[in-house]
Amino acid sequence: MEMPIFAKFAKKYFEESEKDLERAIRAFNVNDYSQAVFYAQQ
């Protein structure tokens, strides 16, 4: 059975938020605080 459209959207949104968290952590680790905050708020 195929996933409903809202479930697909939620899955994609969650995957993208994981990427943003990784980007925020990388930026924080190199002391780029403005970028870290930007990605953390995405």
C-alpha atoms as a PDB file:
ATOM      1  CA  MET A   1       0.000   0.000   0.000  1.00  0.00           C
ATOM      2  CA  GLU A   2       1.285   3.447  -0.886  1.00  0.00           C
ATOM      3  CA  MET A   3       1.915   6.038   1.824  1.00  0.00           C
ATOM      4  CA  PRO A   4      -0.597   8.880   2.065  1.00  0.00           C
ATOM      5  CA  ILE A   5       0.673  12.232   0.792  1.00  0.00           C
ATOM      6  CA  PHE A   6       0.818  13.708   4.296  1.00  0.00           C
ATOM      7  CA  ALA A   7       2.949  10.815   5.556  1.00  0.00           C
ATOM      8  CA  LYS A   8       5.334  11.301   2.610  1.00  0.00           C
ATOM      9  CA  PHE A   9       5.564  15.009   3.405  1.00  0.00           C
ATOM     10  CA  ALA A  10       6.218  14.329   7.100  1.00  0.00           C
ATOM     11  CA  LYS A  11       8.937  11.789   6.272  1.00  0.00           C
ATOM     12  CA  LYS A  12      10.665  14.172   3.868  1.00  0.00           C
ATOM     13  CA  TYR A  13      10.372  17.062   6.357  1.00  0.00           C
ATOM     14  CA  PHE A  14      11.959  14.919   9.087  1.00  0.00           C
ATOM     15  CA  GLU A  15      14.812  13.803   6.815  1.00  0.00           C
ATOM     16  CA  GLU A  16      15.552  17.414   5.875  1.00  0.00           C
ATOM     17  CA  SER A  17      15.510  18.477   9.528  1.00  0.00           C
ATOM     18  CA  GLU A  18      18.110  15.793  10.303  1.00  0.00           C
ATOM     19  CA  LYS A  19      20.345  17.273   7.587  1.00  0.00           C
ATOM     20  CA  ASP A  20      19.844  20.780   9.029  1.00  0.00           C
ATOM     21  CA  LEU A  21      20.837  19.500  12.474  1.00  0.00           C
ATOM     22  CA  GLU A  22      24.027  17.984  11.044  1.00  0.00           C
ATOM     23  CA  ARG A  23      24.815  21.277   9.290  1.00  0.00           C
ATOM     24  CA  ALA A  24      24.195  23.217  12.504  1.00  0.00           C
ATOM     25  CA  ILE A  25      26.510  20.938  14.480  1.00  0.00           C
ATOM     26  CA  ARG A  26      29.257  21.255  11.857  1.00  0.00           C
ATOM     27  CA  ALA A  27      28.939  25.055  11.850  1.00  0.00           C
ATOM     28  CA  PHE A  28      28.982  25.153  15.658  1.00  0.00           C
ATOM     29  CA  ASN A  29      32.113  22.984  15.770  1.00  0.00           C
ATOM     30  CA  VAL A  30      34.014  25.489  13.613  1.00  0.00           C
ATOM     31  CA  ASN A  31      32.745  28.435  15.696  1.00  0.00           C
ATOM     32  CA  ASP A  32      30.474  29.753  12.953  1.00  0.00           C
ATOM     33  CA  TYR A  33      27.705  30.620  15.369  1.00  0.00           C
ATOM     34  CA  SER A  34      25.540  32.638  12.985  1.00  0.00           C
ATOM     35  CA  GLN A  35      25.368  29.703  10.553  1.00  0.00           C
ATOM     36  CA  ALA A  36      24.747  27.287  13.427  1.00  0.00           C
ATOM     37  CA  VAL A  37      21.784  29.361  14.593  1.00  0.00           C
ATOM     38  CA  PHE A  38      20.493  29.672  11.025  1.00  0.00           C
ATOM     39  CA  TYR A  39      20.485  25.907  10.466  1.00  0.00           C
ATOM     40  CA  ALA A  40      19.134  25.206  13.949  1.00  0.00           C
ATOM     41  CA  GLN A  41      16.118  27.414  13.198  1.00  0.00           C
ATOM     42  CA  GLN A  42      15.336  25.804   9.853  1.00  0.00           C
END
